[in-house]
Amino acid sequence: AYADEVDITFAGTPIEHGMPISSTRVPPTFSGGWFNTTFSIPSAIFDQLKATQANYPIPWTANDRNASWLDPSRLLMTIAYAHPLTTAAPRARLNGASLKILWASNSRNGPASASQSCFTGYYIDASSFPPETMHALSVWMPSVAPGDFQGLFWDNLDTEYTDQVVGCSAVGGESCMATFI
C-alpha cells in the first residue's frame, strides 16, 4: 500500500535562502517595542560562507560593504519591516550586550549618512557570532503598523539540497521505504 502523504527526514543541516534566524514568530499585533528570540547558527552556514569567499575572492572595501548585497561571504541578519526610516533605527542586544545596527544601502558609495532614497533598511553583521551556541537576541523596533515587522532573516545564504534520506514515515504512523524515481 502507498501512503498519500509522507514525512521525510533528510540528512544534514537545513540551509535556505532568506531563512528566519529562529522559529519565534512576530505576533500579528506587534506595533513596536522589544522582540525577543533565541537562536543558534549551525556550523554548516559558516562552511557555506567560507566556500563562497574561496570561490569569489574579491578584496571588498569598507566602502563596498555599505551595499549589503556586496561581499556575500558575510552572514547578515536582516531586520525585515515595511517602510524603514533613516530617522527611526531599531536597537539590538545579543546576550545582554549592545549590537551595532548597520544601514543597508543600494549603493556601494552610499555613506552611512546617505539619503532615504539610497537607504533600503537595517541589518546586523553576524559574521563573528560563535556557531553552535545558543544566543539570546532582543531587538527594539520603532513604532510600526501591526503586520509591518516580519522578523529577522539570514541573508547571503544559498539553499542547499540533499538526496540523503535518513527517515521516512507515512502520515498516520506507518513506516515507508524511500523510493526514488
Protein backbone atom coordinates (compact mmCIF):
# COMPACT_ATOMS: atom_id res chain seq x y z
CA ALA A 1 0.00 0.00 0.00
CA TYR A 2 1.15 3.51 -0.78
CA ALA A 3 0.66 6.48 1.51
CA ASP A 4 -0.95 9.66 0.22
CA GLU A 5 1.28 11.75 2.46
CA VAL A 6 4.71 11.07 3.98
CA ASP A 7 7.07 12.81 6.38
CA ILE A 8 10.66 12.63 5.15
CA THR A 9 13.76 13.49 7.18
CA PHE A 10 16.84 14.41 5.17
CA ALA A 11 20.47 14.27 6.30
CA GLY A 12 22.40 17.42 7.03
CA THR A 13 21.63 20.87 8.36
CA PRO A 14 18.85 22.75 6.55
CA ILE A 15 20.11 25.95 4.93
CA GLU A 16 17.66 28.05 2.96
CA HIS A 17 17.97 31.37 1.20
CA GLY A 18 16.27 34.02 3.34
CA MET A 19 15.52 31.64 6.20
CA PRO A 20 14.36 33.04 9.55
CA ILE A 21 17.00 33.11 12.28
CA SER A 22 14.68 31.23 14.66
CA SER A 23 11.23 29.72 14.93
CA THR A 24 9.95 32.66 17.02
CA ARG A 25 7.13 34.35 15.09
CA VAL A 26 6.30 38.03 15.30
CA PRO A 27 2.83 38.43 16.82
CA PRO A 28 0.40 39.87 14.23
CA THR A 29 -0.46 42.71 16.64
CA PHE A 30 3.19 43.75 17.18
CA SER A 31 3.44 47.53 16.75
CA GLY A 32 6.91 48.31 18.13
CA GLY A 33 8.94 47.76 21.27
CA TRP A 34 11.03 44.72 22.17
CA PHE A 35 11.02 41.50 20.17
CA ASN A 36 12.93 38.66 21.85
CA THR A 37 14.16 35.37 20.45
CA THR A 38 16.91 32.80 20.83
CA PHE A 39 18.89 31.21 18.02
CA SER A 40 21.95 29.15 17.20
CA ILE A 41 23.96 29.36 13.98
CA PRO A 42 24.81 25.93 12.56
CA SER A 43 28.47 25.48 11.57
CA ALA A 44 27.26 24.46 8.12
CA ILE A 45 26.25 28.09 7.49
CA PHE A 46 29.79 29.32 8.12
CA ASP A 47 31.14 26.46 5.97
CA GLN A 48 28.97 27.71 3.10
CA LEU A 49 30.13 31.32 3.56
CA LYS A 50 33.80 30.22 3.60
CA ALA A 51 33.22 28.33 0.35
CA THR A 52 31.60 31.44 -1.13
CA GLN A 53 34.65 33.52 -0.22
CA ALA A 54 37.00 30.88 -1.70
CA ASN A 55 35.00 30.78 -4.94
CA TYR A 56 34.55 34.54 -5.13
CA PRO A 57 37.79 36.05 -3.71
CA ILE A 58 37.13 39.76 -4.17
CA PRO A 59 39.01 42.17 -1.88
CA TRP A 60 35.93 44.10 -0.72
CA THR A 61 36.47 47.51 0.82
CA ALA A 62 34.61 49.03 3.76
CA ASN A 63 33.02 51.39 1.24
CA ASP A 64 31.78 48.40 -0.82
CA ARG A 65 30.21 46.89 2.27
CA ASN A 66 27.85 49.88 2.56
CA ALA A 67 25.86 47.98 -0.08
CA SER A 68 24.65 44.98 1.89
CA TRP A 69 24.39 42.91 -1.29
CA LEU A 70 28.16 43.10 -1.81
CA ASP A 71 30.62 40.80 -0.01
CA PRO A 72 28.41 37.69 0.05
CA SER A 73 30.77 35.92 2.45
CA ARG A 74 29.25 37.88 5.37
CA LEU A 75 26.43 36.44 7.45
CA LEU A 76 23.90 39.24 7.66
CA MET A 77 20.75 39.32 9.75
CA THR A 78 18.10 41.40 8.02
CA ILE A 79 15.64 43.26 10.23
CA ALA A 80 12.67 42.96 7.88
CA TYR A 81 9.89 45.52 8.10
CA ALA A 82 7.90 47.77 5.83
CA HIS A 83 8.85 51.42 5.41
CA PRO A 84 12.11 51.63 7.41
CA LEU A 85 13.21 55.21 8.03
CA THR A 86 16.72 56.61 8.43
CA THR A 87 15.40 58.66 11.36
CA ALA A 88 14.00 55.72 13.37
CA ALA A 89 16.56 52.94 13.75
CA PRO A 90 15.98 49.71 15.65
CA ARG A 91 18.31 48.76 18.52
CA ALA A 92 19.54 45.30 19.45
CA ARG A 93 21.21 43.37 22.26
CA LEU A 94 22.89 39.98 21.92
CA ASN A 95 23.34 38.04 25.14
CA GLY A 96 22.90 41.34 27.01
CA ALA A 97 25.48 43.35 25.02
CA SER A 98 24.56 46.13 22.58
CA LEU A 99 24.89 45.32 18.89
CA LYS A 100 25.76 47.66 16.06
CA ILE A 101 22.84 48.15 13.68
CA LEU A 102 24.01 48.86 10.13
CA TRP A 103 22.33 50.73 7.29
CA ALA A 104 21.69 48.80 4.11
CA SER A 105 22.18 50.92 1.02
CA ASN A 106 21.59 50.19 -2.65
CA SER A 107 24.88 51.91 -3.47
CA ARG A 108 28.43 50.87 -2.61
CA ASN A 109 29.28 54.55 -2.42
CA GLY A 110 26.39 55.32 -0.10
CA PRO A 111 27.90 56.56 3.16
CA ALA A 112 26.20 55.90 6.48
CA SER A 113 24.62 59.34 6.14
CA ALA A 114 23.05 58.54 2.77
CA SER A 115 19.65 59.93 1.98
CA GLN A 116 16.43 57.99 2.40
CA SER A 117 16.44 57.40 -1.39
CA CYS A 118 19.52 55.09 -1.20
CA PHE A 119 18.53 53.51 2.11
CA THR A 120 16.97 50.02 1.98
CA GLY A 121 16.73 49.06 5.66
CA TYR A 122 18.76 47.78 8.59
CA TYR A 123 20.85 44.71 9.27
CA ILE A 124 23.25 43.18 11.77
CA ASP A 125 26.55 41.64 10.66
CA ALA A 126 26.55 38.26 12.43
CA SER A 127 29.77 37.02 10.79
CA SER A 128 31.62 37.00 14.12
CA PHE A 129 28.91 35.30 16.20
CA PRO A 130 30.09 31.93 17.53
CA PRO A 131 28.43 28.94 15.82
CA GLU A 132 26.64 26.12 17.62
CA THR A 133 25.99 28.42 20.60
CA MET A 134 22.57 29.47 21.86
CA HIS A 135 22.24 33.26 21.66
CA ALA A 136 19.58 35.49 23.23
CA LEU A 137 18.63 38.39 20.94
CA SER A 138 16.44 41.37 21.79
CA VAL A 139 15.51 43.83 19.06
CA TRP A 140 13.79 47.10 19.88
CA MET A 141 11.65 48.27 16.99
CA PRO A 142 10.35 51.80 16.48
CA SER A 143 6.61 52.25 16.13
CA VAL A 144 5.34 50.16 13.20
CA ALA A 145 1.89 49.28 11.95
CA PRO A 146 0.70 45.82 13.05
CA GLY A 147 1.95 43.30 10.49
CA ASP A 148 4.76 45.53 9.17
CA PHE A 149 7.56 43.86 11.19
CA GLN A 150 8.13 40.50 9.51
CA GLY A 151 11.00 39.24 11.67
CA LEU A 152 14.72 38.52 11.41
CA PHE A 153 16.16 36.64 8.46
CA TRP A 154 19.58 35.39 7.37
CA ASP A 155 20.99 36.96 4.24
CA ASN A 156 23.76 35.77 1.88
CA LEU A 157 22.79 32.10 2.15
CA ASP A 158 22.07 29.78 -0.75
CA THR A 159 19.58 26.94 -0.35
CA GLU A 160 21.34 23.59 -0.08
CA TYR A 161 19.72 20.35 -1.18
CA THR A 162 20.44 16.73 -0.38
CA ASP A 163 19.16 13.41 -1.66
CA GLN A 164 20.23 11.62 1.54
CA VAL A 165 17.10 10.37 3.33
CA VAL A 166 17.55 9.28 6.95
CA GLY A 167 13.90 8.62 7.79
CA CYS A 168 10.52 8.27 6.18
CA SER A 169 7.08 7.54 7.61
CA ALA A 170 3.58 7.66 6.25
CA VAL A 171 1.39 10.25 7.90
CA GLY A 172 -0.62 8.28 10.39
CA GLY A 173 2.37 6.32 11.71
CA GLU A 174 3.04 3.65 9.07
CA SER A 175 6.65 3.39 8.00
CA CYS A 176 7.60 3.57 4.36
CA MET A 177 10.57 2.72 2.19
CA ALA A 178 12.14 5.65 0.35
CA THR A 179 11.68 5.13 -3.37
CA PHE A 180 13.32 7.41 -5.90
CA ILE A 181 12.11 7.55 -9.47
